[in-house]
Amino acid sequence: MHLEKLKLYSLLSVALLISSGPAIAANIPAITKEFSTTNSTHVGLLTTIPSLFVIIGILIGNRLELWIGKKKTILMGLGLVFLSGIFPALKHDIFLLLFLSRCIFGLGIGLFNRLIIQMISDLYQHNPDQRARVIGMESSFEGLGGICLTLLVGQLLKISWHTSFLVYAIALPIFLAFFFFIPDDKKQLEKRTTTQKITVSDSLDDRNAYRLVIGFGMLLFIIVTIFINYNIQITPLILEKNIGNATNGSNMIAFIGLGAFIAGFVFGKMFQLLKDYTMPISLLLMGVFMYLTTISESILLTTFSSMVIGFAFRSIMPYLLHTFTQKTAKIARLGTTIVLVSYNIGSTLSPYEGSVFSQLLHVNTVQSLIFANSIFILFISIIGLVIVFIDRKRKNGQIIQKEEN
């Protein structure tokens, strides 16, 4: 039992690094000052460029996994994160090298981003409820890592901006724990690949699953752009409504993170209770409380609403990942890839969502933009509830028919 816990937490510890890219955002003013001749936009890219290379890393990881197995691919990613993460602390006088190190950092995260979910699925393939719980915990560890590393960067920044990059040295103990406590999967991979060649066909179920994966990927892209845009717009919203200041806005972003953290830990129980209704009900919560922020005149209500929005959004990601890991290995690989790629592209393009919606709907205030987003999310949630209800009714009808036959 003790060894099983070591295995579980060694696996989950990798998730601490997944959201660590933006942790160095507080460094940007100091780096801009250091490289005064460099375009400030290029300096700002140091926090966002990893997201682009995460996508590349995910795609490379899909191929690399088939050659060397999940464990070695994840270890390679952790090694890249460690070396490129601390590199600016050792060599920080050439901006191009600093920029390249951030690109490699994102590439490293991409190599293990999807595979963590896949290894959890492998570990608990005969226990779906436990798998749902652990996937939820993975989401919490991801959020926890982002929060803790950001706080550590703030403390190390008191020494110097380049010293703060030493925060990524945490990747070394994570690498060692993963190396020693997680078993090699290469032989299992070869056995599974051989079996799949014989048993897995391009069946009707697989074709339906492909359509489901693509549909969910497109839907997630829309949800992510709206959610991230809410994070960007919440401070301007309370300033526009004159109910708070920038500090209150910062606190709300922290409460969004708190809601997301709680969602990860209760996801297992939530999924057992709601099953296929998890996603539409999460969207319903997200839409309702996003709408509440537009009519709220209380900083307390707006803060609470932000926390619920974070909770609702972070219930959607584990649901999709859990749904796809229950399919065939091919569908699971494609599904988790599409989810993570959609998430990262949505995050990257989210600042443009506001301007697109503003132009299409002719809205010129932050309040009206968030109101429009909330109505759109509510519309999607209602459609989702109807689809799940009809699907449940159809499945129940098939079960009754089989029993009668």
Protein backbone atom coordinates (compact mmCIF):
# COMPACT_ATOMS: atom_id res chain seq x y z
CA MET A 1 0.00 0.00 0.00
CA HIS A 2 2.86 2.38 0.91
CA LEU A 3 4.53 1.68 -2.45
CA GLU A 4 1.25 2.32 -4.28
CA LYS A 5 0.97 5.74 -2.62
CA LEU A 6 4.56 6.56 -3.56
CA LYS A 7 3.75 5.57 -7.14
CA LEU A 8 0.58 7.68 -7.17
CA TYR A 9 2.17 10.83 -5.72
CA SER A 10 5.28 10.47 -7.89
CA LEU A 11 2.94 10.47 -10.88
CA LEU A 12 0.82 13.38 -9.61
CA SER A 13 3.90 15.45 -8.71
CA VAL A 14 4.66 15.80 -12.44
CA ALA A 15 1.38 17.74 -12.76
CA LEU A 16 2.83 20.45 -10.48
CA LEU A 17 4.88 21.64 -13.47
CA ILE A 18 2.15 21.70 -16.12
CA SER A 19 0.85 25.20 -15.30
CA SER A 20 4.21 26.61 -14.22
CA GLY A 21 4.98 28.49 -17.45
CA PRO A 22 3.27 31.80 -16.48
CA ALA A 23 4.81 31.65 -12.97
CA ILE A 24 7.59 34.02 -14.06
CA ALA A 25 5.13 36.72 -15.23
CA ALA A 26 6.21 38.95 -12.31
CA ASN A 27 9.71 39.02 -13.84
CA ILE A 28 8.63 40.78 -17.04
CA PRO A 29 9.11 44.41 -15.84
CA ALA A 30 12.63 43.61 -14.57
CA ILE A 31 13.54 41.71 -17.75
CA THR A 32 12.17 44.56 -19.89
CA LYS A 33 14.41 46.96 -17.98
CA GLU A 34 17.40 44.62 -18.34
CA PHE A 35 16.91 44.31 -22.12
CA SER A 36 15.87 47.90 -22.79
CA THR A 37 16.78 47.66 -26.50
CA THR A 38 14.53 44.61 -27.02
CA ASN A 39 10.91 45.09 -28.07
CA SER A 40 8.73 44.88 -24.93
CA THR A 41 6.24 42.65 -26.82
CA HIS A 42 9.01 40.09 -27.37
CA VAL A 43 9.83 40.20 -23.67
CA GLY A 44 6.16 39.64 -22.82
CA LEU A 45 6.19 36.52 -25.01
CA LEU A 46 8.44 34.83 -22.42
CA THR A 47 5.30 34.00 -20.41
CA THR A 48 3.11 32.89 -23.34
CA ILE A 49 5.50 31.31 -25.88
CA PRO A 50 5.71 28.05 -23.84
CA SER A 51 1.98 27.45 -24.60
CA LEU A 52 2.71 27.29 -28.33
CA PHE A 53 5.56 24.83 -27.82
CA VAL A 54 3.44 22.73 -25.44
CA ILE A 55 1.26 21.93 -28.48
CA ILE A 56 4.34 20.91 -30.49
CA GLY A 57 5.56 18.83 -27.54
CA ILE A 58 2.21 17.01 -27.27
CA LEU A 59 2.35 16.06 -30.96
CA ILE A 60 5.99 14.92 -30.71
CA GLY A 61 5.19 13.03 -27.50
CA ASN A 62 2.47 11.03 -29.28
CA ARG A 63 5.08 9.62 -31.67
CA LEU A 64 7.87 9.32 -29.11
CA GLU A 65 5.63 7.32 -26.77
CA LEU A 66 5.27 4.60 -29.43
CA TRP A 67 9.05 4.30 -29.80
CA ILE A 68 10.36 4.47 -26.23
CA GLY A 69 7.27 4.19 -23.99
CA LYS A 70 5.49 6.63 -21.69
CA LYS A 71 7.97 6.59 -18.81
CA LYS A 72 11.03 7.49 -20.89
CA THR A 73 9.08 10.17 -22.79
CA ILE A 74 7.94 11.77 -19.52
CA LEU A 75 11.48 11.60 -18.10
CA MET A 76 12.79 13.28 -21.26
CA GLY A 77 10.20 16.06 -20.82
CA LEU A 78 11.10 16.52 -17.13
CA GLY A 79 14.78 16.70 -18.06
CA LEU A 80 14.09 19.43 -20.63
CA VAL A 81 11.95 21.38 -18.14
CA PHE A 82 14.70 21.21 -15.50
CA LEU A 83 17.58 22.24 -17.80
CA SER A 84 15.72 24.93 -19.76
CA GLY A 85 13.89 26.14 -16.64
CA ILE A 86 16.99 26.97 -14.61
CA PHE A 87 19.08 28.04 -17.65
CA PRO A 88 18.23 31.78 -17.30
CA ALA A 89 19.61 31.68 -13.74
CA LEU A 90 22.98 30.53 -15.12
CA LYS A 91 23.11 32.46 -18.42
CA HIS A 92 20.96 35.56 -18.61
CA ASP A 93 22.78 38.22 -20.63
CA ILE A 94 21.63 37.14 -24.13
CA PHE A 95 17.91 37.58 -24.80
CA LEU A 96 17.83 35.13 -27.71
CA LEU A 97 19.11 32.30 -25.47
CA LEU A 98 16.59 33.28 -22.79
CA PHE A 99 13.79 33.14 -25.38
CA LEU A 100 14.95 29.77 -26.74
CA SER A 101 15.09 28.33 -23.23
CA ARG A 102 11.41 29.22 -22.75
CA CYS A 103 10.54 27.52 -26.06
CA ILE A 104 12.32 24.33 -24.96
CA PHE A 105 10.60 24.62 -21.57
CA GLY A 106 7.18 24.50 -23.27
CA LEU A 107 8.32 21.61 -25.45
CA GLY A 108 9.31 19.64 -22.33
CA ILE A 109 5.92 20.20 -20.68
CA GLY A 110 4.20 19.10 -23.88
CA LEU A 111 6.06 15.78 -23.81
CA PHE A 112 4.46 14.75 -20.51
CA ASN A 113 1.25 16.83 -20.45
CA ARG A 114 -0.95 14.19 -22.11
CA LEU A 115 0.96 11.13 -20.93
CA ILE A 116 0.26 11.83 -17.26
CA ILE A 117 -3.46 11.33 -17.93
CA GLN A 118 -2.72 8.23 -19.99
CA MET A 119 -0.61 6.68 -17.21
CA ILE A 120 -3.37 7.37 -14.67
CA SER A 121 -5.77 5.61 -17.03
CA ASP A 122 -3.41 2.62 -17.31
CA LEU A 123 -2.93 2.50 -13.54
CA TYR A 124 -6.68 2.43 -12.79
CA GLN A 125 -8.08 0.86 -15.95
CA HIS A 126 -10.14 -1.66 -13.92
CA ASN A 127 -11.48 0.94 -11.46
CA PRO A 128 -13.31 3.77 -13.32
CA ASP A 129 -14.44 5.58 -10.14
CA GLN A 130 -10.89 5.65 -8.74
CA ARG A 131 -9.60 6.77 -12.13
CA ALA A 132 -12.06 9.69 -12.13
CA ARG A 133 -10.92 10.66 -8.62
CA VAL A 134 -7.22 10.58 -9.52
CA ILE A 135 -7.76 12.53 -12.77
CA GLY A 136 -9.50 15.15 -10.63
CA MET A 137 -6.51 15.14 -8.24
CA GLU A 138 -4.21 15.64 -11.23
CA SER A 139 -6.15 18.78 -12.08
CA SER A 140 -5.77 20.02 -8.49
CA PHE A 141 -2.03 19.33 -8.45
CA GLU A 142 -1.73 21.25 -11.71
CA GLY A 143 -3.43 24.30 -10.18
CA LEU A 144 -1.51 23.94 -6.91
CA GLY A 145 1.80 23.91 -8.78
CA GLY A 146 0.92 27.11 -10.63
CA ILE A 147 -0.04 28.90 -7.41
CA CYS A 148 2.93 27.72 -5.28
CA LEU A 149 5.57 28.31 -7.94
CA THR A 150 4.19 31.81 -8.62
CA LEU A 151 4.49 32.61 -4.89
CA LEU A 152 8.06 31.23 -4.80
CA VAL A 153 9.02 33.32 -7.82
CA GLY A 154 7.77 36.40 -5.96
CA GLN A 155 10.10 35.61 -3.05
CA LEU A 156 13.15 34.80 -5.21
CA LEU A 157 12.51 37.97 -7.22
CA LYS A 158 13.64 39.92 -4.15
CA ILE A 159 17.16 38.63 -4.87
CA SER A 160 17.15 39.15 -8.67
CA TRP A 161 14.93 38.37 -11.65
CA HIS A 162 17.25 35.66 -12.97
CA THR A 163 17.57 33.97 -9.55
CA SER A 164 13.80 33.45 -9.56
CA PHE A 165 14.19 30.96 -12.43
CA LEU A 166 15.75 28.56 -9.90
CA VAL A 167 12.15 27.79 -8.90
CA TYR A 168 12.19 25.27 -11.76
CA ALA A 169 14.84 23.24 -9.92
CA ILE A 170 11.82 21.47 -8.38
CA ALA A 171 11.76 19.45 -11.61
CA LEU A 172 14.87 17.52 -10.43
CA PRO A 173 13.32 15.79 -7.35
CA ILE A 174 10.18 15.15 -9.42
CA PHE A 175 12.38 13.53 -12.10
CA LEU A 176 14.09 11.31 -9.49
CA ALA A 177 10.81 10.28 -7.82
CA PHE A 178 9.30 9.40 -11.19
CA PHE A 179 12.43 7.48 -12.23
CA PHE A 180 12.56 5.33 -9.08
CA PHE A 181 8.89 4.73 -8.26
CA ILE A 182 7.11 4.50 -11.62
CA PRO A 183 7.56 1.15 -13.42
CA ASP A 184 8.72 1.01 -17.04
CA ASP A 185 5.83 0.55 -19.47
CA LYS A 186 7.79 -0.40 -22.63
CA LYS A 187 7.00 -4.13 -22.51
CA GLN A 188 3.33 -3.43 -21.73
CA LEU A 189 3.30 -1.01 -24.67
CA GLU A 190 4.64 -3.63 -27.10
CA LYS A 191 2.13 -6.21 -25.86
CA ARG A 192 -0.76 -3.74 -26.12
CA THR A 193 0.28 -2.60 -29.60
CA THR A 194 0.37 -6.20 -30.82
CA THR A 195 -3.05 -6.90 -29.33
CA GLN A 196 -4.53 -3.78 -30.89
CA LYS A 197 -3.41 -4.82 -34.38
CA ILE A 198 -5.55 -7.93 -34.00
CA THR A 199 -8.55 -6.67 -32.03
CA VAL A 200 -9.02 -2.98 -32.70
CA SER A 201 -10.84 -2.20 -35.94
CA ASP A 202 -12.22 0.98 -37.40
CA SER A 203 -15.69 0.09 -36.13
CA LEU A 204 -18.83 2.20 -36.10
CA ASP A 205 -18.22 2.94 -32.42
CA ASP A 206 -14.75 4.26 -33.24
CA ARG A 207 -16.10 6.47 -36.02
CA ASN A 208 -18.72 7.87 -33.64
CA ALA A 209 -15.97 8.41 -31.08
CA TYR A 210 -13.89 10.35 -33.64
CA ARG A 211 -16.82 12.69 -34.27
CA LEU A 212 -17.31 13.07 -30.50
CA VAL A 213 -13.63 13.91 -30.00
CA ILE A 214 -13.62 16.60 -32.72
CA GLY A 215 -16.91 18.06 -31.45
CA PHE A 216 -15.70 18.24 -27.86
CA GLY A 217 -12.39 19.74 -29.03
CA MET A 218 -14.17 22.58 -30.86
CA LEU A 219 -16.51 23.14 -27.90
CA LEU A 220 -13.62 23.21 -25.43
CA PHE A 221 -11.78 25.78 -27.56
CA ILE A 222 -14.78 28.12 -27.28
CA ILE A 223 -15.20 27.52 -23.53
CA VAL A 224 -11.49 28.09 -22.82
CA THR A 225 -11.36 31.37 -24.77
CA ILE A 226 -14.39 32.66 -22.83
CA PHE A 227 -13.04 31.47 -19.46
CA ILE A 228 -9.54 32.90 -19.94
CA ASN A 229 -11.05 36.12 -21.26
CA TYR A 230 -13.11 36.33 -18.06
CA ASN A 231 -9.86 36.11 -16.07
CA ILE A 232 -8.51 39.00 -18.15
CA GLN A 233 -11.67 41.12 -17.92
CA ILE A 234 -12.68 40.67 -14.26
CA THR A 235 -10.47 43.51 -12.98
CA PRO A 236 -11.61 45.95 -15.72
CA LEU A 237 -15.21 44.90 -14.91
CA ILE A 238 -15.07 45.86 -11.22
CA LEU A 239 -13.24 49.09 -12.10
CA GLU A 240 -15.86 49.90 -14.74
CA LYS A 241 -18.68 49.27 -12.25
CA ASN A 242 -16.74 51.16 -9.55
CA ILE A 243 -17.21 48.43 -6.92
CA GLY A 244 -13.55 47.60 -6.30
CA ASN A 245 -9.92 48.20 -7.20
CA ALA A 246 -7.09 46.32 -8.90
CA THR A 247 -6.21 44.51 -5.67
CA ASN A 248 -9.76 43.15 -5.48
CA GLY A 249 -9.39 42.00 -9.10
CA SER A 250 -6.14 40.19 -8.23
CA ASN A 251 -7.90 38.50 -5.30
CA MET A 252 -10.67 37.34 -7.62
CA ILE A 253 -8.17 35.67 -9.93
CA ALA A 254 -6.77 33.90 -6.84
CA PHE A 255 -10.30 32.76 -5.92
CA ILE A 256 -10.80 31.45 -9.46
CA GLY A 257 -7.70 29.33 -8.81
CA LEU A 258 -9.10 28.25 -5.43
CA GLY A 259 -12.36 27.15 -7.07
CA ALA A 260 -10.40 25.19 -9.67
CA PHE A 261 -8.32 23.56 -6.92
CA ILE A 262 -11.44 22.46 -5.00
CA ALA A 263 -13.01 21.10 -8.21
CA GLY A 264 -10.10 18.72 -8.75
CA PHE A 265 -10.46 17.14 -5.32
CA VAL A 266 -14.25 16.68 -5.46
CA PHE A 267 -14.43 15.67 -9.12
CA GLY A 268 -14.52 11.93 -8.35
CA LYS A 269 -17.62 12.25 -6.14
CA MET A 270 -19.17 14.79 -8.49
CA PHE A 271 -18.76 12.45 -11.46
CA GLN A 272 -20.26 9.51 -9.54
CA LEU A 273 -23.31 11.67 -8.81
CA LEU A 274 -23.82 13.43 -12.17
CA LYS A 275 -22.17 11.09 -14.74
CA ASP A 276 -22.89 12.45 -18.27
CA TYR A 277 -24.62 15.51 -16.82
CA THR A 278 -21.29 16.72 -15.36
CA MET A 279 -20.33 18.90 -18.33
CA PRO A 280 -23.69 20.61 -19.07
CA ILE A 281 -24.32 21.29 -15.36
CA SER A 282 -20.78 22.70 -15.01
CA LEU A 283 -21.48 24.97 -17.99
CA LEU A 284 -24.81 25.97 -16.44
CA LEU A 285 -23.00 26.98 -13.22
CA MET A 286 -20.37 28.85 -15.22
CA GLY A 287 -22.99 30.76 -17.23
CA VAL A 288 -25.23 31.63 -14.26
CA PHE A 289 -22.40 32.94 -12.07
CA MET A 290 -20.77 34.78 -14.98
CA TYR A 291 -24.12 36.53 -15.45
CA LEU A 292 -24.24 37.30 -11.70
CA THR A 293 -20.93 39.17 -11.93
CA THR A 294 -22.50 41.54 -14.49
CA ILE A 295 -25.38 42.54 -12.17
CA SER A 296 -23.53 42.29 -8.85
CA GLU A 297 -22.93 45.49 -6.88
CA SER A 298 -21.09 43.61 -4.13
CA ILE A 299 -17.39 42.76 -4.24
CA LEU A 300 -18.13 39.75 -2.00
CA LEU A 301 -20.73 38.30 -4.41
CA THR A 302 -18.47 38.94 -7.41
CA THR A 303 -15.56 37.20 -5.67
CA PHE A 304 -17.73 34.20 -4.74
CA SER A 305 -19.07 34.05 -8.31
CA SER A 306 -15.50 34.03 -9.65
CA MET A 307 -14.66 31.10 -7.39
CA VAL A 308 -17.69 29.14 -8.67
CA ILE A 309 -16.68 29.93 -12.28
CA GLY A 310 -13.20 28.51 -11.58
CA PHE A 311 -14.81 25.44 -9.98
CA ALA A 312 -17.16 24.91 -12.94
CA PHE A 313 -14.44 25.25 -15.57
CA ARG A 314 -12.07 22.85 -13.81
CA SER A 315 -14.85 20.26 -13.62
CA ILE A 316 -15.07 20.23 -17.42
CA MET A 317 -11.43 19.36 -18.16
CA PRO A 318 -11.26 16.20 -15.96
CA TYR A 319 -14.64 15.09 -17.32
CA LEU A 320 -13.41 15.19 -20.92
CA LEU A 321 -10.13 13.49 -20.07
CA HIS A 322 -11.91 10.77 -18.08
CA THR A 323 -14.44 10.25 -20.90
CA PHE A 324 -11.76 9.71 -23.54
CA THR A 325 -9.54 7.45 -21.42
CA GLN A 326 -12.43 4.96 -21.26
CA LYS A 327 -12.28 4.46 -25.04
CA THR A 328 -9.83 2.36 -27.07
CA ALA A 329 -6.13 3.28 -26.83
CA LYS A 330 -6.28 5.01 -30.22
CA ILE A 331 -9.30 7.12 -29.27
CA ALA A 332 -7.86 7.85 -25.81
CA ARG A 333 -4.62 9.13 -27.38
CA LEU A 334 -6.47 11.27 -29.91
CA GLY A 335 -9.01 12.53 -27.36
CA THR A 336 -6.50 13.64 -24.73
CA THR A 337 -4.36 15.23 -27.47
CA ILE A 338 -7.33 17.19 -28.87
CA VAL A 339 -8.38 18.33 -25.37
CA LEU A 340 -4.91 19.63 -24.47
CA VAL A 341 -4.25 21.20 -27.88
CA SER A 342 -7.67 22.91 -27.81
CA TYR A 343 -6.94 24.19 -24.30
CA ASN A 344 -3.55 25.66 -25.23
CA ILE A 345 -4.74 27.22 -28.50
CA GLY A 346 -7.79 28.64 -26.70
CA SER A 347 -5.54 30.10 -23.97
CA THR A 348 -3.24 31.65 -26.57
CA LEU A 349 -6.06 33.22 -28.60
CA SER A 350 -8.33 34.20 -25.68
CA PRO A 351 -7.33 37.91 -25.69
CA TYR A 352 -8.80 38.14 -29.21
CA GLU A 353 -12.15 36.63 -28.14
CA GLY A 354 -13.23 39.88 -26.52
CA SER A 355 -12.53 42.01 -29.58
CA VAL A 356 -14.25 39.50 -31.92
CA PHE A 357 -17.39 39.35 -29.74
CA SER A 358 -17.39 43.13 -29.31
CA GLN A 359 -17.33 43.68 -33.06
CA LEU A 360 -19.92 40.99 -33.86
CA LEU A 361 -22.39 42.06 -31.16
CA HIS A 362 -21.54 45.78 -31.18
CA VAL A 363 -20.85 45.89 -27.44
CA ASN A 364 -18.55 48.57 -26.06
CA THR A 365 -18.38 47.86 -22.32
CA VAL A 366 -16.76 45.06 -20.33
CA GLN A 367 -20.07 44.43 -18.55
CA SER A 368 -21.96 43.88 -21.81
CA LEU A 369 -19.16 41.63 -23.15
CA ILE A 370 -19.25 39.34 -20.09
CA PHE A 371 -23.07 39.39 -20.21
CA ALA A 372 -22.95 38.21 -23.86
CA ASN A 373 -20.45 35.47 -22.96
CA SER A 374 -22.63 34.28 -20.08
CA ILE A 375 -25.72 34.02 -22.32
CA PHE A 376 -23.69 32.08 -24.89
CA ILE A 377 -22.44 29.62 -22.22
CA LEU A 378 -25.99 29.21 -20.86
CA PHE A 379 -27.25 28.47 -24.37
CA ILE A 380 -24.58 25.75 -24.81
CA SER A 381 -25.41 24.25 -21.39
CA ILE A 382 -29.13 23.99 -22.19
CA ILE A 383 -28.38 22.25 -25.50
CA GLY A 384 -26.02 19.90 -23.62
CA LEU A 385 -28.65 19.04 -21.00
CA VAL A 386 -31.19 18.23 -23.73
CA ILE A 387 -28.70 16.05 -25.64
CA VAL A 388 -27.70 14.09 -22.50
CA PHE A 389 -31.37 13.65 -21.50
CA ILE A 390 -32.30 12.29 -24.95
CA ASP A 391 -29.21 10.03 -24.99
CA ARG A 392 -30.03 8.67 -21.52
CA LYS A 393 -33.62 7.99 -22.56
CA ARG A 394 -32.45 6.18 -25.71
CA LYS A 395 -30.00 3.99 -23.76
CA ASN A 396 -32.63 3.13 -21.13
CA GLY A 397 -35.00 2.15 -23.94
CA GLN A 398 -32.38 -0.16 -25.44
CA ILE A 399 -31.76 -1.82 -22.06
CA ILE A 400 -35.50 -2.43 -21.53
CA GLN A 401 -35.78 -3.84 -25.07
CA LYS A 402 -32.89 -6.26 -24.46
CA GLU A 403 -34.44 -7.43 -21.17
CA GLU A 404 -37.77 -8.08 -22.91
CA ASN A 405 -36.06 -10.11 -25.66
